[in-house]
C-alpha atoms as a PDB file:
ATOM      1  CA  GLN A   1      16.299 -59.122  -2.008  1.00  0.00           C
ATOM      2  CA  VAL A   2      17.757 -61.976  -0.008  1.00  0.00           C
ATOM      3  CA  GLN A   3      15.692 -64.438   1.981  1.00  0.00           C
ATOM      4  CA  LEU A   4      17.261 -66.231   4.922  1.00  0.00           C
ATOM      5  CA  VAL A   5      15.600 -69.156   6.637  1.00  0.00           C
ATOM      6  CA  GLU A   6      17.064 -70.559   9.842  1.00  0.00           C
ATOM      7  CA  SER A   7      16.384 -73.976  11.286  1.00  0.00           C
ATOM      8  CA  GLY A   8      17.763 -76.334  13.894  1.00  0.00           C
ATOM      9  CA  GLY A   9      16.973 -74.553  17.129  1.00  0.00           C
ATOM     10  CA  GLY A  10      15.437 -76.304  20.094  1.00  0.00           C
ATOM     11  CA  LEU A  11      15.771 -77.315  23.711  1.00  0.00           C
ATOM     12  CA  VAL A  12      18.931 -79.057  24.881  1.00  0.00           C
ATOM     13  CA  GLN A  13      20.562 -79.816  28.202  1.00  0.00           C
ATOM     14  CA  ALA A  14      23.752 -78.106  29.257  1.00  0.00           C
ATOM     15  CA  GLY A  15      26.734 -79.812  27.665  1.00  0.00           C
ATOM     16  CA  GLY A  16      24.713 -80.866  24.647  1.00  0.00           C
ATOM     17  CA  SER A  17      24.975 -79.887  21.001  1.00  0.00           C
ATOM     18  CA  LEU A  18      22.829 -78.356  18.299  1.00  0.00           C
ATOM     19  CA  ARG A  19      23.439 -77.465  14.679  1.00  0.00           C
ATOM     20  CA  LEU A  20      21.766 -74.451  13.172  1.00  0.00           C
ATOM     21  CA  SER A  21      21.292 -74.019   9.443  1.00  0.00           C
ATOM     22  CA  CYS A  22      20.577 -70.912   7.417  1.00  0.00           C
ATOM     23  CA  ALA A  23      19.557 -71.254   3.792  1.00  0.00           C
ATOM     24  CA  ALA A  24      19.863 -68.182   1.587  1.00  0.00           C
ATOM     25  CA  SER A  25      17.867 -67.528  -1.560  1.00  0.00           C
ATOM     26  CA  GLY A  26      17.156 -64.651  -3.878  1.00  0.00           C
ATOM     27  CA  ARG A  27      19.763 -62.145  -4.906  1.00  0.00           C
ATOM     28  CA  THR A  28      23.344 -63.397  -5.044  1.00  0.00           C
ATOM     29  CA  PHE A  29      26.573 -61.530  -4.481  1.00  0.00           C
ATOM     30  CA  SER A  30      30.101 -61.973  -5.703  1.00  0.00           C
ATOM     31  CA  SER A  31      31.489 -61.547  -2.229  1.00  0.00           C
ATOM     32  CA  HIS A  32      29.862 -61.177   1.136  1.00  0.00           C
ATOM     33  CA  ALA A  33      29.919 -62.375   4.682  1.00  0.00           C
ATOM     34  CA  MET A  34      27.392 -64.505   6.525  1.00  0.00           C
ATOM     35  CA  GLY A  35      27.164 -64.299  10.247  1.00  0.00           C
ATOM     36  CA  TRP A  36      25.287 -65.535  13.259  1.00  0.00           C
ATOM     37  CA  PHE A  37      24.051 -63.272  16.006  1.00  0.00           C
ATOM     38  CA  ARG A  38      21.961 -63.949  19.083  1.00  0.00           C
ATOM     39  CA  GLN A  39      19.658 -62.013  21.332  1.00  0.00           C
ATOM     40  CA  ALA A  40      18.618 -63.000  24.826  1.00  0.00           C
ATOM     41  CA  PRO A  41      15.584 -61.430  26.537  1.00  0.00           C
ATOM     42  CA  GLY A  42      16.349 -57.926  27.729  1.00  0.00           C
ATOM     43  CA  LYS A  43      19.739 -57.858  26.037  1.00  0.00           C
ATOM     44  CA  GLU A  44      21.115 -56.375  22.855  1.00  0.00           C
ATOM     45  CA  ARG A  45      21.757 -58.492  19.806  1.00  0.00           C
ATOM     46  CA  GLU A  46      25.324 -59.777  19.956  1.00  0.00           C
ATOM     47  CA  PHE A  47      27.756 -61.228  17.475  1.00  0.00           C
ATOM     48  CA  VAL A  48      28.461 -64.954  17.567  1.00  0.00           C
ATOM     49  CA  ALA A  49      30.395 -65.980  14.458  1.00  0.00           C
ATOM     50  CA  VAL A  50      30.988 -65.026  10.824  1.00  0.00           C
ATOM     51  CA  VAL A  51      32.357 -66.646   7.694  1.00  0.00           C
ATOM     52  CA  SER A  52      33.655 -64.928   4.601  1.00  0.00           C
ATOM     53  CA  TRP A  53      31.755 -66.508   1.726  1.00  0.00           C
ATOM     54  CA  SER A  54      34.533 -66.164  -0.835  1.00  0.00           C
ATOM     55  CA  TYR A  55      37.562 -66.980   1.289  1.00  0.00           C
ATOM     56  CA  GLY A  56      36.130 -69.109   4.063  1.00  0.00           C
ATOM     57  CA  ALA A  57      37.788 -67.043   6.762  1.00  0.00           C
ATOM     58  CA  THR A  58      36.040 -67.272  10.123  1.00  0.00           C
ATOM     59  CA  TYR A  59      35.857 -65.190  13.259  1.00  0.00           C
ATOM     60  CA  TYR A  60      34.203 -65.903  16.603  1.00  0.00           C
ATOM     61  CA  ALA A  61      33.070 -64.105  19.694  1.00  0.00           C
ATOM     62  CA  ALA A  62      35.308 -64.896  22.643  1.00  0.00           C
ATOM     63  CA  SER A  63      32.365 -66.405  24.518  1.00  0.00           C
ATOM     64  CA  VAL A  64      31.870 -69.160  21.935  1.00  0.00           C
ATOM     65  CA  LYS A  65      35.349 -69.704  20.544  1.00  0.00           C
ATOM     66  CA  GLY A  66      36.379 -73.323  20.877  1.00  0.00           C
ATOM     67  CA  ARG A  67      32.785 -74.478  21.355  1.00  0.00           C
ATOM     68  CA  PHE A  68      31.018 -73.258  18.200  1.00  0.00           C
ATOM     69  CA  ALA A  69      32.034 -73.753  14.576  1.00  0.00           C
ATOM     70  CA  ILE A  70      30.677 -71.885  11.568  1.00  0.00           C
ATOM     71  CA  SER A  71      30.854 -73.389   8.095  1.00  0.00           C
ATOM     72  CA  ARG A  72      29.331 -72.886   4.666  1.00  0.00           C
ATOM     73  CA  ASP A  73      28.149 -75.021   1.785  1.00  0.00           C
ATOM     74  CA  ILE A  74      28.525 -72.913  -1.325  1.00  0.00           C
ATOM     75  CA  ALA A  75      26.571 -75.304  -3.545  1.00  0.00           C
ATOM     76  CA  LYS A  76      23.598 -75.194  -1.176  1.00  0.00           C
ATOM     77  CA  ASN A  77      23.958 -71.503  -0.331  1.00  0.00           C
ATOM     78  CA  THR A  78      23.738 -72.497   3.299  1.00  0.00           C
ATOM     79  CA  VAL A  79      25.668 -71.553   6.410  1.00  0.00           C
ATOM     80  CA  TYR A  80      25.818 -73.723   9.513  1.00  0.00           C
ATOM     81  CA  LEU A  81      26.575 -73.135  13.162  1.00  0.00           C
ATOM     82  CA  GLN A  82      27.646 -76.216  15.066  1.00  0.00           C
ATOM     83  CA  MET A  83      27.226 -75.539  18.769  1.00  0.00           C
ATOM     84  CA  ASN A  84      28.887 -77.880  21.259  1.00  0.00           C
ATOM     85  CA  SER A  85      29.273 -77.825  25.036  1.00  0.00           C
ATOM     86  CA  LEU A  86      26.238 -75.597  25.289  1.00  0.00           C
ATOM     87  CA  LYS A  87      25.699 -73.545  28.424  1.00  0.00           C
ATOM     88  CA  PRO A  88      22.537 -71.988  29.863  1.00  0.00           C
ATOM     89  CA  GLU A  89      23.948 -68.573  28.989  1.00  0.00           C
ATOM     90  CA  ASP A  90      23.839 -69.563  25.314  1.00  0.00           C
ATOM     91  CA  THR A  91      20.041 -69.418  25.510  1.00  0.00           C
ATOM     92  CA  ALA A  92      18.804 -66.860  22.990  1.00  0.00           C
ATOM     93  CA  VAL A  93      17.137 -66.365  19.647  1.00  0.00           C
ATOM     94  CA  TYR A  94      19.782 -66.974  17.008  1.00  0.00           C
ATOM     95  CA  TYR A  95      19.726 -64.998  13.768  1.00  0.00           C
ATOM     96  CA  CYS A  96      21.704 -65.432  10.604  1.00  0.00           C
ATOM     97  CA  ALA A  97      22.550 -62.403   8.532  1.00  0.00           C
ATOM     98  CA  VAL A  98      24.231 -61.384   5.303  1.00  0.00           C
ATOM     99  CA  SER A  99      26.596 -58.474   4.931  1.00  0.00           C
ATOM    100  CA  THR A 100      27.102 -57.062   1.440  1.00  0.00           C
ATOM    101  CA  LYS A 101      29.388 -54.374   2.826  1.00  0.00           C
ATOM    102  CA  VAL A 102      32.327 -56.601   3.700  1.00  0.00           C
ATOM    103  CA  ALA A 103      34.043 -59.358   1.770  1.00  0.00           C
ATOM    104  CA  GLY A 104      35.943 -60.577   4.797  1.00  0.00           C
ATOM    105  CA  THR A 105      34.514 -60.823   8.275  1.00  0.00           C
ATOM    106  CA  SER A 106      32.704 -58.387  10.511  1.00  0.00           C
ATOM    107  CA  SER A 107      31.278 -58.566  14.015  1.00  0.00           C
ATOM    108  CA  ASP A 108      29.451 -55.240  13.681  1.00  0.00           C
ATOM    109  CA  VAL A 109      25.706 -55.723  13.535  1.00  0.00           C
ATOM    110  CA  HIS A 110      25.414 -52.532  11.492  1.00  0.00           C
ATOM    111  CA  ASP A 111      27.385 -54.075   8.634  1.00  0.00           C
ATOM    112  CA  TYR A 112      24.619 -56.611   7.976  1.00  0.00           C
ATOM    113  CA  ASP A 113      21.880 -55.918   5.451  1.00  0.00           C
ATOM    114  CA  TYR A 114      19.649 -58.974   5.519  1.00  0.00           C
ATOM    115  CA  TRP A 115      18.385 -60.960   8.483  1.00  0.00           C
ATOM    116  CA  GLY A 116      16.550 -64.202   9.025  1.00  0.00           C
ATOM    117  CA  GLN A 117      13.532 -64.560  11.267  1.00  0.00           C
ATOM    118  CA  GLY A 118      15.484 -66.217  14.071  1.00  0.00           C
ATOM    119  CA  THR A 119      15.405 -69.604  15.746  1.00  0.00           C
ATOM    120  CA  GLN A 120      15.124 -70.203  19.480  1.00  0.00           C
ATOM    121  CA  VAL A 121      17.870 -72.056  21.314  1.00  0.00           C
ATOM    122  CA  THR A 122      17.192 -72.959  24.928  1.00  0.00           C
ATOM    123  CA  VAL A 123      19.810 -74.625  27.109  1.00  0.00           C
ATOM    124  CA  SER A 124      18.587 -76.069  30.391  1.00  0.00           C
ATOM    125  CA  SER A 125      20.829 -76.475  33.416  1.00  0.00           C
END
């Protein structure tokens, strides 16, 4: 089993920044991907960003590219999501997830096996 614990959410004004963290513990894998997804009220969970744990390759949703940055700290088994120039439409519960099915990157929610509990991000206008 893998445990994922997110932190760093909160309330911020439009144009502000937040950094989310996701610490992983438990079972380890030789290669996997760690991603961030978000879900706003009444909407489906959507892909935000992913990083390949072994290679460091990254991939972003078009809506956040250029504003968000995903990174990883292998020693700490932690993935980060730096969110800049936040907009009210970024308001959602943000989840981190681990995919053991891909060694590269994936934006498909169905590729992810383990999920954190989520952290709320609210951007006021």
